[in-house]
Amino acid sequence: MNRPMSFPEETKEAAAVKLRREREFDRKIRIFDSKRRTIGVDVDSLMQQVQEKHTLMNLDRQREAVFAAETLMNARIGLLREQKQKQVQRDVLNTLKEEWAHQQALATLREEENECGSEEKDTGGVSGLREMAGEDPTWMQRKREQKQQMRAWCDSLQRERREVAEKLRNIDDLYDKSMLAMTQRCMDVARVEMENRRAIQIATMNFNKSQEEENKVLRQQRAQQVNHPSLLLDPLQIKYPNRRDWRGLSTEEQKRICQQQLEQAAESRRLEEEHHARNHQWEQLQGLEARMSLLREREQNFSARSFRQTIAAENQRLAQEQNQHHHFLDREVFRNIPSEEFFTQFNTCSR
């Protein structure tokens, strides 16, 4: 008894880690490829679908070719059997004629005429052909019934084959419709993703532009404050227009001015932190959108794989039914073919 090979746990884990890394690498290539993002459609998946469709079409053509070859072979076999049967019948008839011509004596014919009874003598009728021992008077009727039965079997077989072909055609139509619906769904999802991505990019661009303008204004204000320290006293000069120099300010006023500068610096830091937080939030949103796209893609691949498995199982079931039917025809229907021994039982004696 062959036992399955057992691999160490470390080897299995290493293989699993390698497989996950390869899948992650392929996923990153799909996500970060600028050409695929510009196209908006998974070209590899579409090419794989087209290749699978071509493969299914080739399999259908091969199956139809095999079916046609089997049908032609069965027709030829039936024709050969029919010709052989006709030849056997002709040989039997020729043998019977030779038997009648050479082995049946004239006295035997007269004896048979005498044994027919007095009714034929009284009426003055002439004796016709007599049936010999072993002859089958219902041979023509039985042959006609056999032909009718054979014709009925052929009609039923052709009808079943037409039904199978119709089922296969319906399955192909259903597969085509499902593939079209799936392609349309993929296009809709890609269009929605493109619109969402475009809206996110526009919002991000507007936000960055506004932040850049705010930062530019803040930088200009800071540069002016550094180059002209006297501008810090604008509020005080508005309040005290007679004072032109900060040296004449009191200690409390100087502290208040310093406190205002600290508050402005704190406000600037708060704005920068909010800017970084908003950027981080946008990055998280973009990552979430990418993960959702990946999940939708996996779901679509899983649905397509399930549909292909269902179609393959149905085709396998139909193939099994067809093989069983052929087995039934070969073993049960066409087994009672008359052989030469059947015809040797006739004409075994002469009268």
Protein backbone atom coordinates (compact mmCIF):
# COMPACT_ATOMS: atom_id res chain seq x y z
CA MET A 1 0.00 0.00 0.00
CA ASN A 2 1.43 3.36 -1.04
CA ARG A 3 1.56 5.88 1.76
CA PRO A 4 1.46 9.62 1.00
CA MET A 5 4.72 11.47 1.39
CA SER A 6 5.02 13.48 4.60
CA PHE A 7 6.86 16.78 4.53
CA PRO A 8 8.30 18.48 7.61
CA GLU A 9 6.31 21.30 9.09
CA GLU A 10 9.09 23.80 8.41
CA THR A 11 9.11 22.92 4.70
CA LYS A 12 5.34 23.36 4.49
CA GLU A 13 5.47 26.67 6.31
CA ALA A 14 8.31 27.89 4.10
CA ALA A 15 6.33 26.95 0.97
CA ALA A 16 3.25 28.73 2.32
CA VAL A 17 5.28 31.85 3.13
CA LYS A 18 6.85 31.80 -0.34
CA LEU A 19 3.41 31.47 -1.96
CA ARG A 20 2.05 34.39 0.08
CA ARG A 21 5.04 36.52 -0.85
CA GLU A 22 4.59 35.77 -4.54
CA ARG A 23 0.89 36.66 -4.35
CA GLU A 24 1.69 39.87 -2.46
CA PHE A 25 4.33 40.76 -5.08
CA ASP A 26 1.85 40.17 -7.91
CA ARG A 27 -0.78 42.22 -6.07
CA LYS A 28 1.64 45.14 -5.63
CA ILE A 29 2.52 44.99 -9.33
CA ARG A 30 -1.18 45.15 -10.20
CA ILE A 31 -1.87 48.01 -7.79
CA PHE A 32 1.19 50.21 -8.38
CA ASP A 33 1.42 49.75 -12.15
CA SER A 34 0.62 53.17 -13.64
CA LYS A 35 -0.39 51.70 -16.98
CA ARG A 36 -3.02 49.43 -15.42
CA ARG A 37 -4.32 52.27 -13.27
CA THR A 38 -4.61 54.46 -16.37
CA ILE A 39 -6.46 51.75 -18.30
CA GLY A 40 -8.74 51.02 -15.36
CA VAL A 41 -9.32 47.36 -16.34
CA ASP A 42 -7.44 44.21 -15.37
CA VAL A 43 -6.08 43.30 -18.81
CA ASP A 44 -4.58 40.00 -17.60
CA SER A 45 -7.96 38.82 -16.31
CA LEU A 46 -9.65 39.78 -19.56
CA MET A 47 -6.95 37.98 -21.58
CA GLN A 48 -7.32 34.95 -19.34
CA GLN A 49 -11.09 34.99 -19.91
CA VAL A 50 -10.58 35.20 -23.68
CA GLN A 51 -8.08 32.34 -23.55
CA GLU A 52 -10.48 30.23 -21.48
CA LYS A 53 -13.27 30.96 -23.97
CA HIS A 54 -11.02 29.89 -26.86
CA THR A 55 -10.08 26.75 -24.94
CA LEU A 56 -13.75 25.90 -24.38
CA MET A 57 -14.51 26.52 -28.05
CA ASN A 58 -11.63 24.23 -29.08
CA LEU A 59 -12.89 21.55 -26.70
CA ASP A 60 -16.39 21.86 -28.16
CA ARG A 61 -15.05 21.55 -31.69
CA GLN A 62 -12.98 18.51 -30.72
CA ARG A 63 -15.99 16.95 -29.01
CA GLU A 64 -18.17 17.57 -32.05
CA ALA A 65 -15.49 16.14 -34.32
CA VAL A 66 -15.21 13.00 -32.18
CA PHE A 67 -18.99 12.70 -32.06
CA ALA A 68 -19.22 13.03 -35.86
CA ALA A 69 -16.46 10.44 -36.32
CA GLU A 70 -18.25 8.03 -33.97
CA THR A 71 -21.53 8.59 -35.81
CA LEU A 72 -19.89 7.95 -39.18
CA MET A 73 -18.17 4.84 -37.82
CA ASN A 74 -21.47 3.52 -36.38
CA ALA A 75 -23.21 4.18 -39.70
CA ARG A 76 -20.49 2.31 -41.58
CA ILE A 77 -20.65 -0.60 -39.14
CA GLY A 78 -24.43 -0.74 -39.51
CA LEU A 79 -24.11 -0.68 -43.31
CA LEU A 80 -21.52 -3.47 -43.26
CA ARG A 81 -23.71 -5.57 -40.95
CA GLU A 82 -26.73 -5.03 -43.17
CA GLN A 83 -24.71 -5.99 -46.27
CA LYS A 84 -23.40 -9.08 -44.50
CA GLN A 85 -26.91 -10.06 -43.44
CA LYS A 86 -28.22 -9.62 -46.98
CA GLN A 87 -25.33 -11.72 -48.31
CA VAL A 88 -26.12 -14.45 -45.77
CA GLN A 89 -29.77 -14.36 -46.84
CA ARG A 90 -28.81 -14.64 -50.49
CA ASP A 91 -26.53 -17.59 -49.71
CA VAL A 92 -29.34 -19.32 -47.80
CA LEU A 93 -31.80 -18.79 -50.66
CA ASN A 94 -29.26 -20.09 -53.18
CA THR A 95 -28.65 -23.13 -50.98
CA LEU A 96 -32.39 -23.77 -50.73
CA LYS A 97 -32.79 -23.51 -54.48
CA GLU A 98 -29.93 -25.95 -55.06
CA GLU A 99 -31.48 -28.31 -52.51
CA TRP A 100 -34.82 -28.13 -54.26
CA ALA A 101 -33.25 -28.66 -57.68
CA HIS A 102 -30.88 -31.54 -56.92
CA GLN A 103 -32.01 -33.46 -53.84
CA GLN A 104 -35.81 -33.41 -54.03
CA ALA A 105 -36.98 -36.28 -56.32
CA LEU A 106 -40.03 -36.30 -58.53
CA ALA A 107 -41.57 -39.18 -56.54
CA THR A 108 -41.38 -37.09 -53.41
CA LEU A 109 -43.27 -34.28 -55.12
CA ARG A 110 -45.97 -36.73 -56.22
CA GLU A 111 -46.15 -38.19 -52.72
CA GLU A 112 -46.63 -34.74 -51.27
CA GLU A 113 -49.34 -34.05 -53.84
CA ASN A 114 -51.07 -37.28 -52.83
CA GLU A 115 -50.86 -36.35 -49.16
CA CYS A 116 -52.58 -33.02 -49.66
CA GLY A 117 -56.03 -34.68 -49.41
CA SER A 118 -58.94 -35.47 -51.58
CA GLU A 119 -60.31 -31.92 -51.48
CA GLU A 120 -57.70 -30.67 -53.94
CA LYS A 121 -58.29 -33.67 -56.24
CA ASP A 122 -62.03 -33.11 -56.23
CA THR A 123 -61.73 -29.51 -57.19
CA GLY A 124 -59.18 -30.28 -59.87
CA GLY A 125 -56.70 -27.73 -58.53
CA VAL A 126 -52.96 -27.89 -59.15
CA SER A 127 -50.61 -28.19 -56.20
CA GLY A 128 -48.31 -25.21 -55.72
CA LEU A 129 -45.01 -24.88 -53.85
CA ARG A 130 -44.71 -26.84 -50.64
CA GLU A 131 -42.93 -25.71 -47.48
CA MET A 132 -39.88 -27.71 -46.61
CA ALA A 133 -38.82 -28.71 -43.11
CA GLY A 134 -36.95 -25.88 -41.38
CA GLU A 135 -38.40 -23.08 -43.53
CA ASP A 136 -39.80 -19.98 -41.79
CA PRO A 137 -42.97 -18.75 -43.50
CA THR A 138 -42.94 -15.52 -41.43
CA TRP A 139 -39.39 -14.58 -42.37
CA MET A 140 -40.36 -11.56 -44.45
CA GLN A 141 -42.72 -10.26 -41.76
CA ARG A 142 -40.07 -10.72 -39.08
CA LYS A 143 -37.49 -8.98 -41.30
CA ARG A 144 -39.89 -6.07 -41.82
CA GLU A 145 -40.50 -5.77 -38.09
CA GLN A 146 -36.76 -5.87 -37.41
CA LYS A 147 -36.23 -3.02 -39.87
CA GLN A 148 -39.01 -1.00 -38.24
CA GLN A 149 -37.50 -1.62 -34.80
CA MET A 150 -34.04 -0.64 -36.05
CA ARG A 151 -35.49 2.52 -37.59
CA ALA A 152 -37.22 3.39 -34.31
CA TRP A 153 -33.94 2.87 -32.38
CA CYS A 154 -32.06 5.08 -34.83
CA ASP A 155 -34.73 7.77 -34.56
CA SER A 156 -34.61 7.68 -30.76
CA LEU A 157 -30.79 7.82 -30.82
CA GLN A 158 -30.81 10.81 -33.17
CA ARG A 159 -33.45 12.51 -31.02
CA GLU A 160 -31.37 11.99 -27.89
CA ARG A 161 -28.28 13.34 -29.63
CA ARG A 162 -30.23 16.40 -30.77
CA GLU A 163 -31.41 16.94 -27.19
CA VAL A 164 -27.83 16.68 -25.91
CA ALA A 165 -26.66 19.14 -28.56
CA GLU A 166 -29.48 21.51 -27.61
CA LYS A 167 -28.51 21.28 -23.93
CA LEU A 168 -24.88 22.00 -24.79
CA ARG A 169 -25.97 24.94 -26.92
CA ASN A 170 -28.09 26.30 -24.05
CA ILE A 171 -25.16 25.90 -21.66
CA ASP A 172 -22.89 27.78 -24.07
CA ASP A 173 -25.46 30.57 -24.42
CA LEU A 174 -25.80 30.79 -20.65
CA TYR A 175 -22.03 30.91 -20.27
CA ASP A 176 -21.76 33.66 -22.90
CA LYS A 177 -24.50 35.70 -21.22
CA SER A 178 -22.90 35.29 -17.80
CA MET A 179 -19.49 36.30 -19.18
CA LEU A 180 -21.02 39.36 -20.82
CA ALA A 181 -22.79 40.28 -17.58
CA MET A 182 -19.59 39.78 -15.62
CA THR A 183 -17.62 41.89 -18.11
CA GLN A 184 -20.26 44.63 -17.92
CA ARG A 185 -20.14 44.49 -14.14
CA CYS A 186 -16.35 44.75 -14.19
CA MET A 187 -16.58 47.75 -16.50
CA ASP A 188 -19.15 49.40 -14.22
CA VAL A 189 -17.00 48.78 -11.15
CA ALA A 190 -13.95 50.10 -12.98
CA ARG A 191 -15.86 53.21 -14.08
CA VAL A 192 -17.09 53.86 -10.53
CA GLU A 193 -13.58 53.36 -9.17
CA MET A 194 -12.20 55.73 -11.80
CA GLU A 195 -14.77 58.37 -10.91
CA ASN A 196 -14.07 57.97 -7.18
CA ARG A 197 -10.34 58.13 -7.80
CA ARG A 198 -10.75 61.23 -9.96
CA ALA A 199 -12.93 62.89 -7.29
CA ILE A 200 -10.36 62.03 -4.62
CA GLN A 201 -7.56 63.41 -6.75
CA ILE A 202 -9.48 66.65 -7.41
CA ALA A 203 -10.31 67.05 -3.71
CA THR A 204 -6.70 66.29 -2.77
CA MET A 205 -5.42 68.76 -5.35
CA ASN A 206 -7.78 71.49 -4.10
CA PHE A 207 -6.89 70.81 -0.50
CA ASN A 208 -3.16 70.85 -1.25
CA LYS A 209 -3.60 74.06 -3.21
CA SER A 210 -5.45 75.75 -0.35
CA GLN A 211 -2.87 74.51 2.15
CA GLU A 212 -0.08 75.75 -0.07
CA GLU A 213 -1.69 79.17 -0.26
CA GLU A 214 -2.15 79.26 3.52
CA ASN A 215 1.45 78.19 4.07
CA LYS A 216 2.62 80.81 1.57
CA VAL A 217 0.72 83.54 3.43
CA LEU A 218 2.13 82.34 6.76
CA ARG A 219 5.66 82.29 5.34
CA GLN A 220 5.23 85.80 3.99
CA GLN A 221 3.93 87.02 7.36
CA ARG A 222 6.82 85.39 9.20
CA ALA A 223 9.34 86.88 6.76
CA GLN A 224 7.84 90.30 7.21
CA GLN A 225 7.91 89.91 10.98
CA VAL A 226 11.56 88.81 10.90
CA ASN A 227 12.63 91.59 8.54
CA HIS A 228 10.52 94.29 10.24
CA PRO A 229 10.19 93.70 13.98
CA SER A 230 8.31 96.94 14.33
CA LEU A 231 5.31 95.27 12.60
CA LEU A 232 4.69 93.29 15.80
CA LEU A 233 3.59 96.55 17.41
CA ASP A 234 0.86 97.29 14.90
CA PRO A 235 -1.96 96.48 17.36
CA LEU A 236 -0.35 98.69 19.99
CA GLN A 237 0.28 101.49 17.55
CA ILE A 238 -3.38 101.34 16.58
CA LYS A 239 -4.30 101.52 20.26
CA TYR A 240 -1.60 104.12 21.11
CA PRO A 241 -0.97 106.17 17.97
CA ASN A 242 1.32 108.63 19.81
CA ARG A 243 3.93 105.91 20.62
CA ARG A 244 6.44 105.29 17.78
CA ASP A 245 9.04 103.19 19.57
CA TRP A 246 8.73 99.91 21.48
CA ARG A 247 11.36 101.06 23.97
CA GLY A 248 8.85 103.30 25.65
CA LEU A 249 6.49 100.35 26.40
CA SER A 250 5.93 99.13 29.90
CA THR A 251 6.86 95.67 31.12
CA GLU A 252 3.25 94.43 31.07
CA GLU A 253 2.79 95.58 27.50
CA GLN A 254 5.99 93.83 26.44
CA LYS A 255 4.83 90.61 28.16
CA ARG A 256 1.49 90.87 26.44
CA ILE A 257 3.23 91.28 23.08
CA CYS A 258 5.41 88.22 23.77
CA GLN A 259 2.33 86.26 24.77
CA GLN A 260 0.65 87.17 21.49
CA GLN A 261 3.73 86.02 19.56
CA LEU A 262 3.70 82.68 21.42
CA GLU A 263 0.01 82.26 20.66
CA GLN A 264 0.67 82.95 16.97
CA ALA A 265 3.46 80.36 16.94
CA ALA A 266 1.17 77.87 18.68
CA GLU A 267 -1.56 78.58 16.14
CA SER A 268 0.92 78.00 13.31
CA ARG A 269 1.96 74.64 14.80
CA ARG A 270 -1.67 73.67 15.24
CA LEU A 271 -2.40 74.44 11.58
CA GLU A 272 0.61 72.41 10.48
CA GLU A 273 -0.52 69.47 12.65
CA GLU A 274 -4.01 69.67 11.19
CA HIS A 275 -2.50 69.72 7.72
CA HIS A 276 -0.45 66.57 8.46
CA ALA A 277 -3.48 64.89 10.02
CA ARG A 278 -5.63 65.62 6.97
CA ASN A 279 -2.90 64.27 4.67
CA HIS A 280 -2.64 61.12 6.78
CA GLN A 281 -6.42 60.72 6.67
CA TRP A 282 -6.42 61.04 2.88
CA GLU A 283 -3.66 58.45 2.63
CA GLN A 284 -5.68 56.04 4.80
CA LEU A 285 -8.74 56.65 2.62
CA GLN A 286 -6.77 55.88 -0.52
CA GLY A 287 -5.36 52.70 1.03
CA LEU A 288 -8.88 51.63 2.05
CA GLU A 289 -10.12 52.24 -1.50
CA ALA A 290 -7.27 50.12 -2.87
CA ARG A 291 -8.08 47.29 -0.46
CA MET A 292 -11.77 47.44 -1.40
CA SER A 293 -10.84 47.24 -5.08
CA LEU A 294 -8.66 44.20 -4.36
CA LEU A 295 -11.48 42.51 -2.43
CA ARG A 296 -13.93 43.15 -5.26
CA GLU A 297 -11.45 41.72 -7.73
CA ARG A 298 -10.99 38.60 -5.63
CA GLU A 299 -14.75 38.19 -5.33
CA GLN A 300 -15.15 38.44 -9.09
CA ASN A 301 -12.38 35.88 -9.65
CA PHE A 302 -13.98 33.52 -7.14
CA SER A 303 -17.39 33.85 -8.85
CA ALA A 304 -15.84 33.19 -12.27
CA ARG A 305 -13.95 30.15 -10.95
CA SER A 306 -17.13 28.75 -9.33
CA PHE A 307 -19.05 29.20 -12.58
CA ARG A 308 -16.33 27.44 -14.58
CA GLN A 309 -16.32 24.56 -12.10
CA THR A 310 -20.11 24.25 -12.41
CA ILE A 311 -19.88 24.16 -16.21
CA ALA A 312 -17.10 21.56 -16.08
CA ALA A 313 -19.12 19.35 -13.70
CA GLU A 314 -22.19 19.59 -15.96
CA ASN A 315 -20.13 18.68 -19.04
CA GLN A 316 -18.59 15.75 -17.21
CA ARG A 317 -22.05 14.52 -16.18
CA LEU A 318 -23.34 14.77 -19.76
CA ALA A 319 -20.27 12.90 -21.03
CA GLN A 320 -20.87 10.10 -18.51
CA GLU A 321 -24.52 9.84 -19.56
CA GLN A 322 -23.53 9.65 -23.22
CA ASN A 323 -20.93 6.96 -22.51
CA GLN A 324 -23.50 4.95 -20.53
CA HIS A 325 -25.96 5.23 -23.41
CA HIS A 326 -23.35 4.05 -25.92
CA HIS A 327 -22.49 1.17 -23.59
CA PHE A 328 -26.18 0.25 -23.39
CA LEU A 329 -26.53 0.29 -27.18
CA ASP A 330 -23.40 -1.78 -27.72
CA ARG A 331 -24.09 -4.36 -24.98
CA GLU A 332 -27.90 -4.58 -24.84
CA VAL A 333 -29.47 -3.37 -28.08
CA PHE A 334 -27.12 -4.59 -30.81
CA ARG A 335 -26.16 -7.93 -29.28
CA ASN A 336 -28.85 -10.13 -30.93
CA ILE A 337 -27.37 -10.16 -34.44
CA PRO A 338 -28.10 -13.39 -36.37
CA SER A 339 -24.99 -15.46 -37.01
CA GLU A 340 -24.35 -18.23 -39.52
CA GLU A 341 -25.42 -20.84 -36.99
CA PHE A 342 -28.93 -19.38 -37.01
CA PHE A 343 -29.35 -20.15 -40.71
CA THR A 344 -27.79 -23.62 -40.55
CA GLN A 345 -30.76 -24.93 -38.53
CA PHE A 346 -32.98 -24.70 -41.63
CA ASN A 347 -33.11 -27.19 -44.49
CA THR A 348 -31.58 -30.01 -42.45
CA CYS A 349 -33.58 -32.78 -44.13
CA SER A 350 -35.46 -33.50 -47.37
CA ARG A 351 -38.88 -34.95 -47.93
